[in-house]
Amino acid sequence: MPESIIYLGTPEFAVPPLQMLAADHSYRIAAVLTQPDKPAGRGQKLQPSPVKVAAQSLGLNVLQPKSLKNLTHKGELIEGGELGDALAKLGPLKAAVVVAYGKLIPEALLSYPEFGAINIHPSLLPLWRGAAPLQRAIFSGAKKSGNCIMQLDSGLDTGPVFACEECSICPTDNTKDLHDKLSTLSTSLLKTSLPLILAGKLKSTPQPEGGHSYAEKWSNEDSTINWQESAETTSLRVRASAPRPGARTTLNGEMVKIIEALPCSNLNYSPEEPGSIVELNKAELIVQCGESSFLSIDKIQFPGKKPISIADSINGGYIKKSFRFKSNSH
């Protein structure tokens, strides 16, 4: 008989694990909880989350509570408004599987299923607990990341860990590249670990008390380039910000976004002010950074345009060697 579970997730990252569980006849997904539709685009029309779209295409029961805070759990009963009523009608649950839901799960929901809430977190815990583990891992210069499958508790990604799986962070990987790697890995990790967890054959281990770090939300300030920083730091900022929101700076008086850039060796250019263009041709755009370092920009985005190569930006008349990049804060 299939195990009855609920699934909580919202962004694209959470879609492949949902699809895997839906295709596995060992489970019955009694409901999918995802964030309410949100306005997006120029028209600010309400858009469903990627998980909602996927769940509906699979014919699954979708719940979109505005809040989980009103839930209470006592004995076998769970209560709390429409959501409490909806969950109570699902019958006994083996587990709640959580993948990037986007809100803290209250104690009532953590304790309601037999095996509580099983979460996939995209970092090698206890590193990068919190909201932006992918961006923070890249910006830190880490050479590897991974997923952990863990038992959720009342803390922020502090629960005991069942299993982890690592992946490499390549020198050119941006946030989307790492996202795609970890989303694929999360599916395989869940597929192998969840049946063992529900059978009581895979035990969790508490996270070490030390060595943790917190991945605060990647803010506008984080994605703003400061040309006084080294080319290495600037490149990490670009990669962590790409493809969205893009690393912001000012060029010739207008805000642009740097989408792809890597540090390059010192080619003995005459010293310039940070932000100065020291080389511009159809193959490369090299900019002076702080600490006597140089950044090679490969792709740039101008206002109202899609990201384009340096060759296309020259051909389109968007950039000239006399232009200068400036930090938005200056």
Protein backbone atom coordinates (compact mmCIF):
# COMPACT_ATOMS: atom_id res chain seq x y z
CA MET A 1 0.00 0.00 0.00
CA PRO A 2 1.48 3.40 -0.94
CA GLU A 3 2.66 5.72 1.81
CA SER A 4 0.48 8.84 2.16
CA ILE A 5 2.54 12.04 2.15
CA ILE A 6 2.13 15.76 1.55
CA TYR A 7 4.59 17.87 -0.43
CA LEU A 8 5.56 21.46 0.31
CA GLY A 9 7.50 23.44 -2.32
CA THR A 10 7.31 26.55 -4.45
CA PRO A 11 10.08 27.36 -7.01
CA GLU A 12 11.41 25.51 -10.03
CA PHE A 13 14.00 23.80 -7.81
CA ALA A 14 11.20 21.84 -6.14
CA VAL A 15 9.57 20.57 -9.35
CA PRO A 16 11.79 17.56 -10.25
CA PRO A 17 11.50 15.96 -6.77
CA LEU A 18 7.71 16.38 -6.92
CA GLN A 19 7.57 14.76 -10.35
CA MET A 20 9.70 11.86 -9.11
CA LEU A 21 7.46 11.23 -6.11
CA ALA A 22 4.31 11.44 -8.25
CA ALA A 23 5.72 8.80 -10.62
CA ASP A 24 6.70 6.44 -7.77
CA HIS A 25 3.81 4.16 -6.88
CA SER A 26 5.29 3.70 -3.40
CA TYR A 27 3.74 7.06 -2.45
CA ARG A 28 0.36 8.73 -2.56
CA ILE A 29 0.67 12.52 -2.59
CA ALA A 30 -2.41 13.52 -0.62
CA ALA A 31 -1.82 17.25 -1.18
CA VAL A 32 0.73 19.73 -2.46
CA LEU A 33 1.20 22.94 -0.46
CA THR A 34 2.72 25.89 -2.31
CA GLN A 35 2.88 29.68 -1.95
CA PRO A 36 -0.12 31.76 -3.12
CA ASP A 37 -0.07 33.13 -6.66
CA LYS A 38 1.97 36.34 -6.87
CA PRO A 39 1.88 39.32 -9.26
CA ALA A 40 4.67 39.29 -11.83
CA GLY A 41 5.73 41.03 -15.04
CA ARG A 42 4.79 44.46 -16.33
CA GLY A 43 1.08 43.78 -16.01
CA GLN A 44 1.50 42.47 -12.46
CA LYS A 45 -0.86 39.59 -13.25
CA LEU A 46 -1.09 36.82 -10.69
CA GLN A 47 1.24 33.98 -11.59
CA PRO A 48 1.16 30.47 -10.11
CA SER A 49 4.33 29.00 -8.65
CA PRO A 50 6.22 26.43 -10.74
CA VAL A 51 5.23 23.76 -8.20
CA LYS A 52 1.54 24.63 -8.58
CA VAL A 53 1.79 24.37 -12.35
CA ALA A 54 3.53 21.01 -12.09
CA ALA A 55 1.13 19.69 -9.45
CA GLN A 56 -1.93 20.63 -11.48
CA SER A 57 -0.48 18.98 -14.58
CA LEU A 58 -0.09 15.82 -12.50
CA GLY A 59 -3.68 16.03 -11.27
CA LEU A 60 -2.67 16.56 -7.64
CA ASN A 61 -4.62 18.33 -4.91
CA VAL A 62 -3.12 21.83 -4.48
CA LEU A 63 -3.42 23.94 -1.33
CA GLN A 64 -2.18 27.54 -1.21
CA PRO A 65 -2.48 28.78 2.38
CA LYS A 66 -1.60 32.41 3.03
CA SER A 67 -0.16 31.36 6.37
CA LEU A 68 0.65 28.22 8.36
CA LYS A 69 0.68 30.00 11.72
CA ASN A 70 -2.85 29.11 12.87
CA LEU A 71 -2.30 25.34 12.82
CA THR A 72 -2.50 23.42 16.08
CA HIS A 73 -1.84 19.73 16.64
CA LYS A 74 -2.93 17.62 19.57
CA GLY A 75 -3.02 13.85 19.55
CA GLU A 76 -4.25 12.79 16.11
CA LEU A 77 -6.06 16.07 15.49
CA ILE A 78 -4.80 19.01 13.47
CA GLU A 79 -6.83 22.20 13.44
CA GLY A 80 -6.58 25.78 12.26
CA GLY A 81 -8.95 27.37 9.77
CA GLU A 82 -9.41 26.14 6.22
CA LEU A 83 -5.92 24.63 6.05
CA GLY A 84 -6.42 22.66 9.26
CA ASP A 85 -9.73 21.35 7.94
CA ALA A 86 -8.17 20.42 4.61
CA LEU A 87 -5.26 18.58 6.25
CA ALA A 88 -7.56 16.74 8.66
CA LYS A 89 -9.52 15.36 5.69
CA LEU A 90 -6.38 13.81 4.20
CA GLY A 91 -6.22 11.09 6.80
CA PRO A 92 -3.06 9.79 8.50
CA LEU A 93 0.16 11.01 6.88
CA LYS A 94 3.48 9.21 6.83
CA ALA A 95 5.55 12.34 6.21
CA ALA A 96 5.66 15.87 4.88
CA VAL A 97 8.34 16.30 2.21
CA VAL A 98 9.60 19.90 2.06
CA VAL A 99 11.70 21.32 -0.79
CA ALA A 100 12.16 25.11 -0.88
CA TYR A 101 8.67 25.93 0.40
CA GLY A 102 9.76 29.43 1.36
CA LYS A 103 8.34 29.78 4.87
CA LEU A 104 9.16 28.28 8.25
CA ILE A 105 7.07 25.21 9.00
CA PRO A 106 5.24 25.51 12.36
CA GLU A 107 5.59 22.93 15.10
CA ALA A 108 2.02 21.72 14.53
CA LEU A 109 2.86 20.58 11.01
CA LEU A 110 6.30 19.27 11.98
CA SER A 111 4.75 16.89 14.49
CA TYR A 112 1.55 15.90 12.63
CA PRO A 113 2.86 13.29 10.14
CA GLU A 114 4.29 10.07 11.62
CA PHE A 115 7.82 10.87 10.44
CA GLY A 116 7.47 14.63 10.66
CA ALA A 117 8.82 16.90 7.94
CA ILE A 118 11.68 15.66 5.74
CA ASN A 119 13.50 18.53 4.05
CA ILE A 120 16.01 18.82 1.21
CA HIS A 121 18.34 21.76 1.82
CA PRO A 122 20.75 22.85 -0.97
CA SER A 123 23.97 23.16 1.02
CA LEU A 124 26.39 20.98 2.93
CA LEU A 125 25.00 21.60 6.39
CA PRO A 126 25.84 23.17 8.75
CA LEU A 127 27.19 25.50 6.07
CA TRP A 128 24.78 28.04 4.61
CA ARG A 129 21.62 27.59 6.57
CA GLY A 130 18.95 30.03 5.45
CA ALA A 131 17.49 31.76 2.41
CA ALA A 132 20.26 32.03 -0.22
CA PRO A 133 22.64 29.07 0.11
CA LEU A 134 23.45 28.91 -3.62
CA GLN A 135 24.46 32.56 -3.94
CA ARG A 136 26.42 32.51 -0.67
CA ALA A 137 28.31 29.35 -1.60
CA ILE A 138 29.39 30.83 -4.94
CA PHE A 139 30.27 34.24 -3.48
CA SER A 140 32.37 32.58 -0.77
CA GLY A 141 34.53 31.03 -3.48
CA ALA A 142 33.61 27.48 -2.42
CA LYS A 143 34.72 24.67 -4.72
CA LYS A 144 31.87 22.35 -3.77
CA SER A 145 28.29 22.36 -2.59
CA GLY A 146 25.59 19.73 -2.27
CA ASN A 147 22.23 18.74 -0.83
CA CYS A 148 21.34 17.42 2.60
CA ILE A 149 18.17 15.52 3.42
CA MET A 150 17.26 16.37 6.98
CA GLN A 151 14.60 16.30 9.66
CA LEU A 152 13.07 19.73 10.07
CA ASP A 153 12.85 21.13 13.58
CA SER A 154 11.75 24.52 14.88
CA GLY A 155 15.11 26.14 14.05
CA LEU A 156 16.38 27.51 10.75
CA ASP A 157 17.83 24.45 8.97
CA THR A 158 19.20 23.18 12.28
CA GLY A 159 17.64 19.69 12.34
CA PRO A 160 19.52 16.38 12.22
CA VAL A 161 20.77 15.15 8.84
CA PHE A 162 20.03 11.77 7.24
CA ALA A 163 22.30 11.96 4.20
CA CYS A 164 24.21 14.39 1.96
CA GLU A 165 25.40 14.35 -1.62
CA GLU A 166 28.14 16.65 -2.92
CA CYS A 167 28.69 18.36 -6.25
CA SER A 168 31.49 20.53 -7.57
CA ILE A 169 31.25 24.27 -8.20
CA CYS A 170 33.15 25.00 -11.39
CA PRO A 171 35.07 28.30 -11.78
CA THR A 172 32.48 29.59 -14.27
CA ASP A 173 29.31 28.33 -12.54
CA ASN A 174 26.69 30.94 -11.76
CA THR A 175 23.65 30.55 -9.51
CA LYS A 176 21.53 28.94 -12.23
CA ASP A 177 24.26 26.43 -13.05
CA LEU A 178 24.50 25.41 -9.40
CA HIS A 179 20.70 25.43 -9.08
CA ASP A 180 20.35 22.97 -11.96
CA LYS A 181 23.02 20.65 -10.58
CA LEU A 182 21.49 20.59 -7.11
CA SER A 183 17.91 20.23 -8.35
CA THR A 184 18.90 17.09 -10.26
CA LEU A 185 20.87 15.75 -7.30
CA SER A 186 17.98 16.44 -4.92
CA THR A 187 15.77 14.08 -6.89
CA SER A 188 18.24 11.20 -6.71
CA LEU A 189 18.97 11.84 -3.03
CA LEU A 190 15.27 11.85 -2.17
CA LYS A 191 14.61 8.75 -4.26
CA THR A 192 17.26 6.70 -2.44
CA SER A 193 16.85 8.12 1.07
CA LEU A 194 13.12 8.59 1.63
CA PRO A 195 12.13 4.89 1.53
CA LEU A 196 14.91 4.08 4.01
CA ILE A 197 13.80 6.91 6.31
CA LEU A 198 10.17 5.79 6.26
CA ALA A 199 11.23 2.20 6.90
CA GLY A 200 13.28 3.30 9.91
CA LYS A 201 16.48 2.06 8.28
CA LEU A 202 18.23 5.43 7.86
CA LYS A 203 18.92 7.31 11.07
CA SER A 204 19.67 11.00 11.34
CA THR A 205 22.76 12.57 12.91
CA PRO A 206 22.69 15.91 14.77
CA GLN A 207 24.53 18.74 13.07
CA PRO A 208 27.77 19.80 14.76
CA GLU A 209 27.39 22.77 17.06
CA GLY A 210 30.22 24.71 15.43
CA GLY A 211 31.20 25.48 11.86
CA HIS A 212 27.82 26.78 10.75
CA SER A 213 27.15 29.78 8.53
CA TYR A 214 23.99 31.64 7.57
CA ALA A 215 22.92 32.40 4.01
CA GLU A 216 21.10 35.70 4.28
CA LYS A 217 18.86 36.72 1.40
CA TRP A 218 20.83 37.95 -1.62
CA SER A 219 19.99 41.66 -1.64
CA ASN A 220 20.26 44.53 -4.12
CA GLU A 221 23.36 45.65 -2.23
CA ASP A 222 24.91 42.19 -2.69
CA SER A 223 24.35 42.38 -6.44
CA THR A 224 25.84 45.88 -6.78
CA ILE A 225 29.41 46.05 -8.09
CA ASN A 226 32.03 48.08 -6.26
CA TRP A 227 34.91 48.58 -8.69
CA GLN A 228 37.31 49.20 -5.79
CA GLU A 229 37.05 45.48 -5.02
CA SER A 230 39.40 43.01 -6.66
CA ALA A 231 38.56 41.34 -9.97
CA GLU A 232 38.28 38.02 -8.13
CA THR A 233 35.66 39.38 -5.71
CA THR A 234 33.82 41.16 -8.53
CA SER A 235 33.73 37.97 -10.59
CA LEU A 236 32.29 36.04 -7.66
CA ARG A 237 29.65 38.76 -7.20
CA VAL A 238 28.74 38.54 -10.90
CA ARG A 239 28.44 34.75 -10.79
CA ALA A 240 26.37 34.79 -7.60
CA SER A 241 24.02 37.38 -9.12
CA ALA A 242 23.61 35.69 -12.51
CA PRO A 243 21.46 35.27 -14.40
CA ARG A 244 19.05 37.10 -12.09
CA PRO A 245 19.02 39.77 -10.81
CA GLY A 246 22.36 40.45 -12.53
CA ALA A 247 25.29 42.34 -11.03
CA ARG A 248 24.46 46.05 -11.30
CA THR A 249 26.73 48.93 -12.14
CA THR A 250 26.61 52.26 -14.00
CA LEU A 251 28.10 52.71 -17.47
CA ASN A 252 28.09 56.11 -19.18
CA GLY A 253 25.35 57.29 -16.84
CA GLU A 254 22.93 54.37 -17.19
CA MET A 255 22.45 51.27 -15.09
CA VAL A 256 23.63 48.06 -16.74
CA LYS A 257 24.04 44.48 -15.56
CA ILE A 258 27.14 42.34 -15.91
CA ILE A 259 26.05 38.75 -16.61
CA GLU A 260 29.34 36.96 -17.32
CA ALA A 261 32.83 38.04 -16.23
CA LEU A 262 36.05 36.42 -15.04
CA PRO A 263 39.30 37.78 -13.62
CA CYS A 264 42.21 37.89 -16.03
CA SER A 265 45.94 38.09 -15.53
CA ASN A 266 47.71 41.43 -15.30
CA LEU A 267 48.66 42.24 -18.88
CA ASN A 268 50.78 45.24 -17.90
CA TYR A 269 48.19 47.84 -18.75
CA SER A 270 48.93 51.37 -17.60
CA PRO A 271 47.27 51.92 -14.21
CA GLU A 272 43.81 53.47 -14.46
CA GLU A 273 41.06 54.35 -12.02
CA PRO A 274 38.91 51.35 -11.02
CA GLY A 275 36.01 51.08 -13.47
CA SER A 276 38.09 52.27 -16.43
CA ILE A 277 37.97 50.28 -19.66
CA VAL A 278 41.57 49.36 -20.49
CA GLU A 279 40.86 47.14 -23.50
CA LEU A 280 37.86 46.93 -25.82
CA ASN A 281 37.58 44.87 -28.97
CA LYS A 282 35.11 42.35 -30.38
CA ALA A 283 36.77 39.57 -28.42
CA GLU A 284 37.03 41.16 -24.99
CA LEU A 285 36.18 44.01 -22.65
CA ILE A 286 38.71 44.41 -19.84
CA VAL A 287 38.07 46.70 -16.90
CA GLN A 288 40.42 47.93 -14.19
CA CYS A 289 39.41 46.78 -10.70
CA GLY A 290 40.85 47.43 -7.28
CA GLU A 291 44.09 45.86 -6.04
CA SER A 292 45.65 46.34 -9.52
CA SER A 293 43.50 43.56 -10.97
CA PHE A 294 41.53 43.24 -14.19
CA LEU A 295 38.13 41.83 -15.08
CA SER A 296 37.22 40.40 -18.49
CA ILE A 297 33.52 40.92 -19.24
CA ASP A 298 31.91 38.50 -21.69
CA LYS A 299 28.21 39.32 -21.46
CA ILE A 300 26.38 42.50 -20.50
CA GLN A 301 22.75 43.62 -20.31
CA PHE A 302 21.59 47.13 -21.19
CA PRO A 303 18.28 48.64 -19.99
CA GLY A 304 15.28 47.06 -21.70
CA LYS A 305 17.49 44.62 -23.61
CA LYS A 306 18.42 40.96 -23.30
CA PRO A 307 21.97 40.01 -22.28
CA ILE A 308 24.36 40.30 -25.25
CA SER A 309 27.98 39.58 -26.04
CA ILE A 310 30.64 42.26 -26.08
CA ALA A 311 30.87 42.00 -29.88
CA ASP A 312 27.14 42.67 -30.20
CA SER A 313 27.33 45.56 -27.73
CA ILE A 314 30.05 47.18 -29.86
CA ASN A 315 28.16 46.55 -33.11
CA GLY A 316 25.02 48.04 -31.57
CA GLY A 317 26.86 51.16 -30.45
CA TYR A 318 26.11 50.47 -26.79
CA ILE A 319 29.69 50.74 -25.56
CA LYS A 320 32.89 52.65 -26.35
CA LYS A 321 36.34 52.59 -24.81
CA SER A 322 35.90 56.15 -23.57
CA PHE A 323 33.03 55.03 -21.33
CA ARG A 324 33.65 54.25 -17.68
CA PHE A 325 31.97 51.95 -15.20
CA LYS A 326 31.04 53.45 -11.87
CA SER A 327 29.83 51.88 -8.65
CA ASN A 328 26.17 52.74 -8.10
CA SER A 329 26.93 53.98 -4.61
CA HIS A 330 29.33 56.64 -5.89
